[in-house]
Amino acid sequence: MSSTAIATMTKMMESLPEAAQEQALEHLRDYIVEMQEEREWESLFEKTEDQLLAAARKAKAEIAAGKAQPMNYDEL
């Protein structure tokens, strides 16, 4: 984040009463954690995307060849 964005956020927070600052901070923390988790998920997906595509192609070929069976969820 640029220092300008941080300065803007600081000014916005300072304009609020202290109780509202705490509430806004909690929301901001939650939002940042969600963003970090999303970035981590995207990174993991990018690293395994080729493997996932290969597995999907293999499954599709097995289904087309009649080698696949419907999953029985009771046996899991």
C-alpha atoms as a PDB file:
ATOM      1  CA  MET A   1       0.000   0.000   0.000  1.00  0.00           C
ATOM      2  CA  SER A   2       1.321   3.417  -0.832  1.00  0.00           C
ATOM      3  CA  SER A   3       2.129   5.899   1.898  1.00  0.00           C
ATOM      4  CA  THR A   4      -0.604   8.146   0.439  1.00  0.00           C
ATOM      5  CA  ALA A   5      -3.203   5.436   0.944  1.00  0.00           C
ATOM      6  CA  ILE A   6      -2.013   4.845   4.512  1.00  0.00           C
ATOM      7  CA  ALA A   7      -2.112   8.581   5.235  1.00  0.00           C
ATOM      8  CA  THR A   8      -5.649   8.787   3.845  1.00  0.00           C
ATOM      9  CA  MET A   9      -6.760   5.835   5.969  1.00  0.00           C
ATOM     10  CA  THR A  10      -5.148   7.377   9.051  1.00  0.00           C
ATOM     11  CA  LYS A  11      -6.945  10.694   8.487  1.00  0.00           C
ATOM     12  CA  MET A  12     -10.244   8.899   8.000  1.00  0.00           C
ATOM     13  CA  MET A  13      -9.766   6.898  11.187  1.00  0.00           C
ATOM     14  CA  GLU A  14      -8.724   9.977  13.175  1.00  0.00           C
ATOM     15  CA  SER A  15     -11.941  11.731  12.162  1.00  0.00           C
ATOM     16  CA  LEU A  16     -13.984   9.099  13.999  1.00  0.00           C
ATOM     17  CA  PRO A  17     -14.729   8.971  17.730  1.00  0.00           C
ATOM     18  CA  GLU A  18     -12.493   6.504  19.584  1.00  0.00           C
ATOM     19  CA  ALA A  19     -15.192   3.829  19.933  1.00  0.00           C
ATOM     20  CA  ALA A  20     -15.892   4.025  16.201  1.00  0.00           C
ATOM     21  CA  GLN A  21     -12.154   3.822  15.494  1.00  0.00           C
ATOM     22  CA  GLU A  22     -11.989   0.536  17.404  1.00  0.00           C
ATOM     23  CA  GLN A  23     -14.997  -0.802  15.526  1.00  0.00           C
ATOM     24  CA  ALA A  24     -13.564   0.259  12.165  1.00  0.00           C
ATOM     25  CA  LEU A  25     -10.222  -1.275  13.093  1.00  0.00           C
ATOM     26  CA  GLU A  26     -11.860  -4.634  13.842  1.00  0.00           C
ATOM     27  CA  HIS A  27     -13.632  -4.569  10.485  1.00  0.00           C
ATOM     28  CA  LEU A  28     -10.402  -3.612   8.743  1.00  0.00           C
ATOM     29  CA  ARG A  29      -8.500  -6.443  10.457  1.00  0.00           C
ATOM     30  CA  ASP A  30     -11.136  -8.964   9.378  1.00  0.00           C
ATOM     31  CA  TYR A  31     -11.090  -7.621   5.823  1.00  0.00           C
ATOM     32  CA  ILE A  32      -7.295  -7.759   5.615  1.00  0.00           C
ATOM     33  CA  VAL A  33      -7.248 -11.349   6.910  1.00  0.00           C
ATOM     34  CA  GLU A  34      -9.819 -12.318   4.263  1.00  0.00           C
ATOM     35  CA  MET A  35      -7.733 -10.640   1.561  1.00  0.00           C
ATOM     36  CA  GLN A  36      -4.566 -12.434   2.726  1.00  0.00           C
ATOM     37  CA  GLU A  37      -6.361 -15.783   2.756  1.00  0.00           C
ATOM     38  CA  GLU A  38      -7.731 -15.145  -0.733  1.00  0.00           C
ATOM     39  CA  ARG A  39      -4.267 -14.277  -2.057  1.00  0.00           C
ATOM     40  CA  GLU A  40      -2.860 -17.428  -0.465  1.00  0.00           C
ATOM     41  CA  TRP A  41      -5.614 -19.545  -2.046  1.00  0.00           C
ATOM     42  CA  GLU A  42      -4.975 -17.982  -5.461  1.00  0.00           C
ATOM     43  CA  SER A  43      -1.256 -18.647  -5.118  1.00  0.00           C
ATOM     44  CA  LEU A  44      -1.849 -22.290  -4.208  1.00  0.00           C
ATOM     45  CA  PHE A  45      -4.281 -22.700  -7.081  1.00  0.00           C
ATOM     46  CA  GLU A  46      -1.814 -21.210  -9.571  1.00  0.00           C
ATOM     47  CA  LYS A  47       0.871 -23.651  -8.409  1.00  0.00           C
ATOM     48  CA  THR A  48      -1.414 -26.672  -8.925  1.00  0.00           C
ATOM     49  CA  GLU A  49      -3.527 -25.492 -11.861  1.00  0.00           C
ATOM     50  CA  ASP A  50      -1.736 -27.710 -14.402  1.00  0.00           C
ATOM     51  CA  GLN A  51      -2.146 -30.764 -12.173  1.00  0.00           C
ATOM     52  CA  LEU A  52      -5.836 -30.020 -11.648  1.00  0.00           C
ATOM     53  CA  LEU A  53      -6.382 -29.641 -15.389  1.00  0.00           C
ATOM     54  CA  ALA A  54      -4.570 -32.923 -16.061  1.00  0.00           C
ATOM     55  CA  ALA A  55      -6.698 -34.713 -13.453  1.00  0.00           C
ATOM     56  CA  ALA A  56      -9.874 -33.266 -14.965  1.00  0.00           C
ATOM     57  CA  ARG A  57      -8.848 -34.378 -18.469  1.00  0.00           C
ATOM     58  CA  LYS A  58      -8.058 -37.863 -17.183  1.00  0.00           C
ATOM     59  CA  ALA A  59     -11.412 -38.101 -15.400  1.00  0.00           C
ATOM     60  CA  LYS A  60     -13.238 -36.910 -18.515  1.00  0.00           C
ATOM     61  CA  ALA A  61     -11.423 -39.509 -20.649  1.00  0.00           C
ATOM     62  CA  GLU A  62     -12.233 -42.273 -18.155  1.00  0.00           C
ATOM     63  CA  ILE A  63     -15.895 -41.282 -18.151  1.00  0.00           C
ATOM     64  CA  ALA A  64     -15.948 -41.263 -21.969  1.00  0.00           C
ATOM     65  CA  ALA A  65     -14.283 -44.697 -22.026  1.00  0.00           C
ATOM     66  CA  GLY A  66     -16.834 -46.101 -19.579  1.00  0.00           C
ATOM     67  CA  LYS A  67     -14.193 -46.740 -16.918  1.00  0.00           C
ATOM     68  CA  ALA A  68     -15.754 -44.453 -14.304  1.00  0.00           C
ATOM     69  CA  GLN A  69     -18.476 -45.328 -11.846  1.00  0.00           C
ATOM     70  CA  PRO A  70     -20.779 -42.986  -9.971  1.00  0.00           C
ATOM     71  CA  MET A  71     -19.497 -42.180  -6.506  1.00  0.00           C
ATOM     72  CA  ASN A  72     -21.289 -43.935  -3.688  1.00  0.00           C
ATOM     73  CA  TYR A  73     -21.332 -41.401  -0.875  1.00  0.00           C
ATOM     74  CA  ASP A  74     -22.448 -44.058   1.627  1.00  0.00           C
ATOM     75  CA  GLU A  75     -19.107 -45.840   1.176  1.00  0.00           C
ATOM     76  CA  LEU A  76     -16.991 -42.815   2.019  1.00  0.00           C
END
